[in-house]
Amino acid sequence: MVYREVARSMSRTGNNPFLQNVEKISAENIALASGEPVDLPEVMALPALYHGDYVHVPLKFDGNKLRIVLERAIGSVAASGVTTEAFAESSRALVRKIRWRQLDYRLGGLPGKIVKGRIGVRTRALVRQFSGKHQS
């Protein structure tokens, strides 16, 4: 079964109970994997940042502690025997995304708006053009 959202679905309009539940489950999994309590601000911040749900990011969290919690969770999964190159790349991508979202959050969402706006579209087009990834 594949879930597809439509323009006026519950998850696209107004309060999104699905996202809040996903974030709660994610925080519980992060807490379990990292060995930290689920109510730790950094544990709660990780899924909210990942999903760009800045309204639910705890106001006071320590960026260094957040990094440590993330590294512990990734290390715990790796220690369980998941050591493929795909997992390693996925972990690196996750760390990059969290760093980006943390910066975006700290700057009030402005970098994200720029990247998604006209400047971002033009910048990505230029990058593709100069990297040889454009189609003739």
N, C-alpha and C. Protein backbone atom coordinates (compact mmCIF):
# COMPACT_ATOMS: atom_id res chain seq x y z
N MET A 1 0.84 -1.17 0.00
CA MET A 1 0.00 0.00 0.00
C MET A 1 0.89 1.24 0.00
N VAL A 2 0.52 2.23 -0.76
CA VAL A 2 1.26 3.48 -0.84
C VAL A 2 0.35 4.60 -0.38
N TYR A 3 0.87 5.43 0.51
CA TYR A 3 0.11 6.58 0.99
C TYR A 3 0.45 7.78 0.12
N ARG A 4 -0.56 8.42 -0.38
CA ARG A 4 -0.37 9.63 -1.17
C ARG A 4 -1.23 10.74 -0.60
N GLU A 5 -0.60 11.88 -0.40
CA GLU A 5 -1.36 13.02 0.13
C GLU A 5 -2.05 13.75 -1.01
N VAL A 6 -3.16 14.33 -0.70
CA VAL A 6 -3.85 15.19 -1.65
C VAL A 6 -3.82 16.60 -1.09
N ALA A 7 -4.08 17.56 -1.94
CA ALA A 7 -3.93 18.97 -1.55
C ALA A 7 -4.69 19.35 -0.28
N ARG A 8 -5.86 18.78 -0.06
CA ARG A 8 -6.66 19.18 1.10
C ARG A 8 -6.69 18.10 2.18
N SER A 9 -5.70 17.20 2.20
CA SER A 9 -5.70 16.15 3.21
C SER A 9 -5.43 16.73 4.59
N MET A 10 -5.77 15.96 5.62
CA MET A 10 -5.59 16.41 7.00
C MET A 10 -4.13 16.75 7.29
N SER A 11 -3.21 16.04 6.67
CA SER A 11 -1.80 16.28 6.95
C SER A 11 -1.25 17.50 6.21
N ARG A 12 -2.03 18.08 5.34
CA ARG A 12 -1.59 19.27 4.60
C ARG A 12 -2.25 20.56 5.09
N THR A 13 -3.33 20.46 5.82
CA THR A 13 -4.05 21.65 6.23
C THR A 13 -4.16 21.71 7.74
N GLY A 14 -3.91 22.88 8.29
CA GLY A 14 -4.09 23.09 9.73
C GLY A 14 -3.15 22.26 10.58
N ASN A 15 -3.61 21.95 11.77
CA ASN A 15 -2.85 21.17 12.72
C ASN A 15 -2.63 19.76 12.17
N ASN A 16 -1.40 19.26 12.26
CA ASN A 16 -1.08 17.96 11.70
C ASN A 16 -0.84 16.94 12.80
N PRO A 17 -1.87 16.20 13.21
CA PRO A 17 -1.68 15.22 14.27
C PRO A 17 -0.78 14.07 13.85
N PHE A 18 -0.72 13.77 12.57
CA PHE A 18 0.13 12.69 12.09
C PHE A 18 1.60 13.01 12.34
N LEU A 19 2.00 14.21 11.99
CA LEU A 19 3.40 14.62 12.17
C LEU A 19 3.77 14.61 13.64
N GLN A 20 2.89 15.09 14.49
CA GLN A 20 3.18 15.10 15.93
C GLN A 20 3.34 13.68 16.46
N ASN A 21 2.53 12.75 15.97
CA ASN A 21 2.67 11.36 16.39
C ASN A 21 3.96 10.74 15.86
N VAL A 22 4.31 11.04 14.63
CA VAL A 22 5.57 10.55 14.07
C VAL A 22 6.75 11.09 14.88
N GLU A 23 6.69 12.36 15.23
CA GLU A 23 7.77 12.97 16.02
C GLU A 23 7.86 12.32 17.41
N LYS A 24 6.73 12.03 18.01
CA LYS A 24 6.72 11.39 19.33
C LYS A 24 7.34 10.00 19.25
N ILE A 25 6.93 9.22 18.26
CA ILE A 25 7.48 7.87 18.08
C ILE A 25 8.98 7.96 17.79
N SER A 26 9.37 8.90 16.96
CA SER A 26 10.79 9.08 16.64
C SER A 26 11.59 9.43 17.88
N ALA A 27 11.06 10.32 18.72
CA ALA A 27 11.75 10.70 19.96
C ALA A 27 11.91 9.49 20.87
N GLU A 28 10.88 8.65 20.94
CA GLU A 28 10.97 7.43 21.76
C GLU A 28 12.05 6.50 21.23
N ASN A 29 12.15 6.36 19.91
CA ASN A 29 13.18 5.51 19.31
C ASN A 29 14.57 6.10 19.53
N ILE A 30 14.70 7.41 19.39
CA ILE A 30 15.99 8.07 19.62
C ILE A 30 16.41 7.90 21.07
N ALA A 31 15.47 8.06 21.99
CA ALA A 31 15.77 7.89 23.42
C ALA A 31 16.25 6.47 23.69
N LEU A 32 15.58 5.51 23.14
CA LEU A 32 15.96 4.11 23.34
C LEU A 32 17.37 3.85 22.78
N ALA A 33 17.61 4.33 21.56
CA ALA A 33 18.89 4.07 20.91
C ALA A 33 20.04 4.84 21.56
N SER A 34 19.77 6.03 22.07
CA SER A 34 20.84 6.87 22.63
C SER A 34 21.05 6.66 24.12
N GLY A 35 20.06 6.03 24.78
CA GLY A 35 20.16 5.83 26.22
C GLY A 35 19.79 7.06 27.02
N GLU A 36 19.19 8.03 26.37
CA GLU A 36 18.77 9.28 27.03
C GLU A 36 17.27 9.23 27.31
N PRO A 37 16.81 10.03 28.28
CA PRO A 37 15.37 10.06 28.55
C PRO A 37 14.61 10.73 27.41
N VAL A 38 13.40 10.26 27.16
CA VAL A 38 12.61 10.76 26.04
C VAL A 38 12.24 12.23 26.22
N ASP A 39 12.17 12.72 27.46
CA ASP A 39 11.79 14.11 27.68
C ASP A 39 12.98 15.07 27.66
N LEU A 40 14.17 14.57 27.35
CA LEU A 40 15.34 15.43 27.20
C LEU A 40 15.09 16.38 26.02
N PRO A 41 15.30 17.67 26.19
CA PRO A 41 15.01 18.61 25.09
C PRO A 41 15.70 18.24 23.77
N GLU A 42 16.92 17.75 23.85
CA GLU A 42 17.65 17.40 22.63
C GLU A 42 17.03 16.19 21.92
N VAL A 43 16.51 15.25 22.69
CA VAL A 43 15.83 14.09 22.10
C VAL A 43 14.56 14.55 21.41
N MET A 44 13.81 15.43 22.04
CA MET A 44 12.57 15.93 21.44
C MET A 44 12.85 16.85 20.25
N ALA A 45 13.99 17.53 20.27
CA ALA A 45 14.32 18.47 19.20
C ALA A 45 14.68 17.75 17.90
N LEU A 46 15.33 16.59 18.01
CA LEU A 46 15.81 15.92 16.79
C LEU A 46 14.70 15.62 15.78
N PRO A 47 13.61 14.95 16.15
CA PRO A 47 12.58 14.69 15.13
C PRO A 47 11.88 15.97 14.65
N ALA A 48 11.71 16.94 15.53
CA ALA A 48 11.07 18.19 15.10
C ALA A 48 11.95 18.92 14.09
N LEU A 49 13.26 18.94 14.35
CA LEU A 49 14.18 19.56 13.40
C LEU A 49 14.20 18.79 12.08
N TYR A 50 14.27 17.48 12.18
CA TYR A 50 14.32 16.64 10.98
C TYR A 50 13.14 16.95 10.06
N HIS A 51 11.96 17.09 10.64
CA HIS A 51 10.75 17.34 9.85
C HIS A 51 10.50 18.82 9.57
N GLY A 52 11.40 19.69 10.05
CA GLY A 52 11.22 21.12 9.83
C GLY A 52 10.03 21.68 10.58
N ASP A 53 9.65 21.02 11.65
CA ASP A 53 8.51 21.43 12.47
C ASP A 53 9.01 22.29 13.62
N TYR A 54 9.44 23.50 13.28
CA TYR A 54 10.12 24.37 14.23
C TYR A 54 9.24 24.80 15.40
N VAL A 55 7.94 24.76 15.22
CA VAL A 55 7.01 25.11 16.31
C VAL A 55 7.17 24.15 17.48
N HIS A 56 7.52 22.90 17.21
CA HIS A 56 7.63 21.90 18.26
C HIS A 56 9.06 21.63 18.71
N VAL A 57 10.00 22.45 18.26
CA VAL A 57 11.38 22.34 18.76
C VAL A 57 11.41 22.98 20.15
N PRO A 58 11.91 22.25 21.17
CA PRO A 58 12.00 22.87 22.50
C PRO A 58 12.82 24.16 22.44
N LEU A 59 12.36 25.17 23.15
CA LEU A 59 13.03 26.47 23.09
C LEU A 59 14.47 26.41 23.54
N LYS A 60 14.73 25.63 24.57
CA LYS A 60 16.10 25.57 25.09
C LYS A 60 16.65 24.17 24.92
N PHE A 61 17.54 24.03 23.96
CA PHE A 61 18.27 22.78 23.80
C PHE A 61 19.72 23.13 23.48
N ASP A 62 20.61 22.24 23.84
CA ASP A 62 22.04 22.44 23.65
C ASP A 62 22.45 21.78 22.34
N GLY A 63 22.99 22.56 21.43
CA GLY A 63 23.39 22.04 20.12
C GLY A 63 24.45 20.96 20.22
N ASN A 64 25.39 21.10 21.15
CA ASN A 64 26.42 20.08 21.32
C ASN A 64 25.82 18.79 21.86
N LYS A 65 24.92 18.91 22.83
CA LYS A 65 24.25 17.73 23.39
C LYS A 65 23.39 17.06 22.32
N LEU A 66 22.76 17.85 21.47
CA LEU A 66 21.95 17.32 20.38
C LEU A 66 22.82 16.45 19.47
N ARG A 67 24.00 16.94 19.13
CA ARG A 67 24.93 16.19 18.29
C ARG A 67 25.34 14.88 18.96
N ILE A 68 25.62 14.94 20.26
CA ILE A 68 26.02 13.75 21.01
C ILE A 68 24.89 12.71 21.02
N VAL A 69 23.67 13.17 21.26
CA VAL A 69 22.52 12.25 21.28
C VAL A 69 22.37 11.59 19.91
N LEU A 70 22.48 12.37 18.85
CA LEU A 70 22.36 11.83 17.50
C LEU A 70 23.47 10.81 17.23
N GLU A 71 24.70 11.14 17.60
CA GLU A 71 25.81 10.21 17.38
C GLU A 71 25.64 8.92 18.18
N ARG A 72 25.15 9.04 19.41
CA ARG A 72 24.92 7.84 20.22
C ARG A 72 23.84 6.96 19.59
N ALA A 73 22.78 7.58 19.11
CA ALA A 73 21.70 6.80 18.49
C ALA A 73 22.21 6.09 17.24
N ILE A 74 22.95 6.79 16.40
CA ILE A 74 23.50 6.18 15.19
C ILE A 74 24.48 5.07 15.57
N GLY A 75 25.32 5.33 16.58
CA GLY A 75 26.28 4.32 17.03
C GLY A 75 25.60 3.08 17.57
N SER A 76 24.51 3.26 18.27
CA SER A 76 23.76 2.13 18.82
C SER A 76 23.20 1.25 17.72
N VAL A 77 22.67 1.87 16.68
CA VAL A 77 22.14 1.11 15.55
C VAL A 77 23.28 0.39 14.83
N ALA A 78 24.39 1.08 14.64
CA ALA A 78 25.55 0.46 13.99
C ALA A 78 26.07 -0.72 14.81
N ALA A 79 26.09 -0.57 16.14
CA ALA A 79 26.58 -1.64 17.01
C ALA A 79 25.68 -2.87 16.98
N SER A 80 24.44 -2.68 16.56
CA SER A 80 23.52 -3.82 16.50
C SER A 80 23.76 -4.69 15.26
N GLY A 81 24.73 -4.27 14.45
CA GLY A 81 25.08 -5.09 13.29
C GLY A 81 24.77 -4.46 11.95
N VAL A 82 24.20 -3.28 11.94
CA VAL A 82 23.89 -2.60 10.68
C VAL A 82 25.09 -1.75 10.29
N THR A 83 25.96 -2.31 9.49
CA THR A 83 27.20 -1.59 9.15
C THR A 83 27.43 -1.53 7.65
N THR A 84 26.38 -1.47 6.88
CA THR A 84 26.52 -1.40 5.42
C THR A 84 26.94 0.00 5.00
N GLU A 85 27.44 0.11 3.81
CA GLU A 85 27.82 1.43 3.27
C GLU A 85 26.57 2.30 3.10
N ALA A 86 25.45 1.68 2.76
CA ALA A 86 24.20 2.43 2.63
C ALA A 86 23.81 3.05 3.97
N PHE A 87 23.98 2.30 5.06
CA PHE A 87 23.68 2.85 6.38
C PHE A 87 24.63 4.00 6.71
N ALA A 88 25.88 3.83 6.40
CA ALA A 88 26.87 4.89 6.67
C ALA A 88 26.51 6.16 5.91
N GLU A 89 26.17 6.02 4.63
CA GLU A 89 25.80 7.20 3.84
C GLU A 89 24.51 7.82 4.34
N SER A 90 23.55 6.99 4.70
CA SER A 90 22.29 7.48 5.25
C SER A 90 22.54 8.25 6.55
N SER A 91 23.44 7.75 7.37
CA SER A 91 23.77 8.42 8.64
C SER A 91 24.42 9.78 8.38
N ARG A 92 25.34 9.82 7.41
CA ARG A 92 25.98 11.10 7.08
C ARG A 92 24.96 12.10 6.56
N ALA A 93 24.04 11.62 5.73
CA ALA A 93 22.98 12.50 5.20
C ALA A 93 22.09 13.01 6.33
N LEU A 94 21.78 12.15 7.28
CA LEU A 94 20.96 12.54 8.42
C LEU A 94 21.66 13.63 9.23
N VAL A 95 22.94 13.45 9.49
CA VAL A 95 23.70 14.45 10.25
C VAL A 95 23.72 15.78 9.50
N ARG A 96 23.94 15.74 8.19
CA ARG A 96 23.93 16.98 7.39
C ARG A 96 22.57 17.67 7.46
N LYS A 97 21.50 16.87 7.35
CA LYS A 97 20.16 17.45 7.38
C LYS A 97 19.87 18.10 8.73
N ILE A 98 20.24 17.42 9.82
CA ILE A 98 20.01 17.98 11.15
C ILE A 98 20.82 19.26 11.33
N ARG A 99 22.06 19.27 10.88
CA ARG A 99 22.88 20.50 10.98
C ARG A 99 22.23 21.65 10.21
N TRP A 100 21.76 21.35 9.00
CA TRP A 100 21.10 22.38 8.19
C TRP A 100 19.85 22.89 8.88
N ARG A 101 19.01 21.97 9.37
CA ARG A 101 17.77 22.38 10.00
C ARG A 101 18.03 23.14 11.30
N GLN A 102 19.09 22.77 12.02
CA GLN A 102 19.43 23.49 13.24
C GLN A 102 19.82 24.93 12.90
N LEU A 103 20.62 25.11 11.86
CA LEU A 103 20.99 26.45 11.42
C LEU A 103 19.76 27.21 10.96
N ASP A 104 18.93 26.57 10.17
CA ASP A 104 17.71 27.20 9.67
C ASP A 104 16.81 27.62 10.83
N TYR A 105 16.67 26.75 11.82
CA TYR A 105 15.85 27.05 13.01
C TYR A 105 16.42 28.25 13.75
N ARG A 106 17.71 28.24 13.99
CA ARG A 106 18.36 29.34 14.75
C ARG A 106 18.22 30.68 14.03
N LEU A 107 18.13 30.65 12.71
CA LEU A 107 18.02 31.88 11.92
C LEU A 107 16.57 32.17 11.52
N GLY A 108 15.63 31.57 12.22
CA GLY A 108 14.22 31.87 12.02
C GLY A 108 13.63 31.34 10.73
N GLY A 109 14.26 30.36 10.12
CA GLY A 109 13.73 29.77 8.89
C GLY A 109 14.11 30.51 7.62
N LEU A 110 14.88 31.60 7.75
CA LEU A 110 15.25 32.40 6.58
C LEU A 110 16.06 31.62 5.55
N PRO A 111 17.10 30.87 5.96
CA PRO A 111 17.86 30.11 4.94
C PRO A 111 16.97 29.15 4.15
N GLY A 112 16.04 28.48 4.82
CA GLY A 112 15.14 27.55 4.13
C GLY A 112 14.26 28.27 3.12
N LYS A 113 13.78 29.46 3.50
CA LYS A 113 12.95 30.22 2.58
C LYS A 113 13.75 30.66 1.36
N ILE A 114 15.01 31.02 1.57
CA ILE A 114 15.86 31.45 0.45
C ILE A 114 16.10 30.27 -0.49
N VAL A 115 16.44 29.11 0.08
CA VAL A 115 16.73 27.93 -0.72
C VAL A 115 15.51 27.48 -1.51
N LYS A 116 14.33 27.61 -0.91
CA LYS A 116 13.11 27.18 -1.60
C LYS A 116 12.58 28.22 -2.57
N GLY A 117 13.05 29.46 -2.44
CA GLY A 117 12.55 30.54 -3.28
C GLY A 117 13.26 30.64 -4.61
N ARG A 118 13.07 31.76 -5.27
CA ARG A 118 13.65 31.98 -6.60
C ARG A 118 15.17 31.90 -6.59
N ILE A 119 15.78 32.47 -5.55
CA ILE A 119 17.25 32.44 -5.48
C ILE A 119 17.73 30.99 -5.43
N GLY A 120 17.07 30.17 -4.63
CA GLY A 120 17.45 28.77 -4.52
C GLY A 120 17.28 28.02 -5.83
N VAL A 121 16.19 28.29 -6.52
CA VAL A 121 15.93 27.62 -7.81
C VAL A 121 17.02 28.00 -8.80
N ARG A 122 17.35 29.28 -8.85
CA ARG A 122 18.39 29.74 -9.78
C ARG A 122 19.76 29.19 -9.40
N THR A 123 20.03 29.15 -8.11
CA THR A 123 21.32 28.62 -7.64
C THR A 123 21.46 27.15 -8.00
N ARG A 124 20.41 26.36 -7.74
CA ARG A 124 20.47 24.94 -8.08
C ARG A 124 20.65 24.74 -9.60
N ALA A 125 19.99 25.58 -10.40
CA ALA A 125 20.13 25.48 -11.85
C ALA A 125 21.57 25.78 -12.27
N LEU A 126 22.18 26.79 -11.64
CA LEU A 126 23.57 27.11 -11.95
C LEU A 126 24.51 25.99 -11.53
N VAL A 127 24.27 25.42 -10.37
CA VAL A 127 25.10 24.31 -9.90
C VAL A 127 25.01 23.14 -10.87
N ARG A 128 23.80 22.80 -11.30
CA ARG A 128 23.63 21.71 -12.27
C ARG A 128 24.36 22.03 -13.58
N GLN A 129 24.24 23.28 -14.01
CA GLN A 129 24.86 23.68 -15.26
C GLN A 129 26.37 23.54 -15.19
N PHE A 130 26.98 24.01 -14.10
CA PHE A 130 28.43 23.99 -13.99
C PHE A 130 28.98 22.63 -13.57
N SER A 131 28.13 21.78 -13.02
CA SER A 131 28.61 20.45 -12.63
C SER A 131 28.42 19.44 -13.75
N GLY A 132 27.85 19.87 -14.86
CA GLY A 132 27.65 18.97 -15.99
C GLY A 132 26.44 18.07 -15.83
N LYS A 133 25.56 18.39 -14.89
CA LYS A 133 24.39 17.54 -14.65
C LYS A 133 23.15 18.05 -15.37
N HIS A 134 23.33 18.99 -16.29
CA HIS A 134 22.17 19.48 -17.06
C HIS A 134 22.02 18.64 -18.32
N GLN A 135 20.85 18.69 -18.84
CA GLN A 135 20.61 17.93 -20.06
C GLN A 135 20.60 18.88 -21.24
N SER A 136 21.19 18.44 -22.32
CA SER A 136 21.27 19.28 -23.52
C SER A 136 20.01 19.20 -24.33
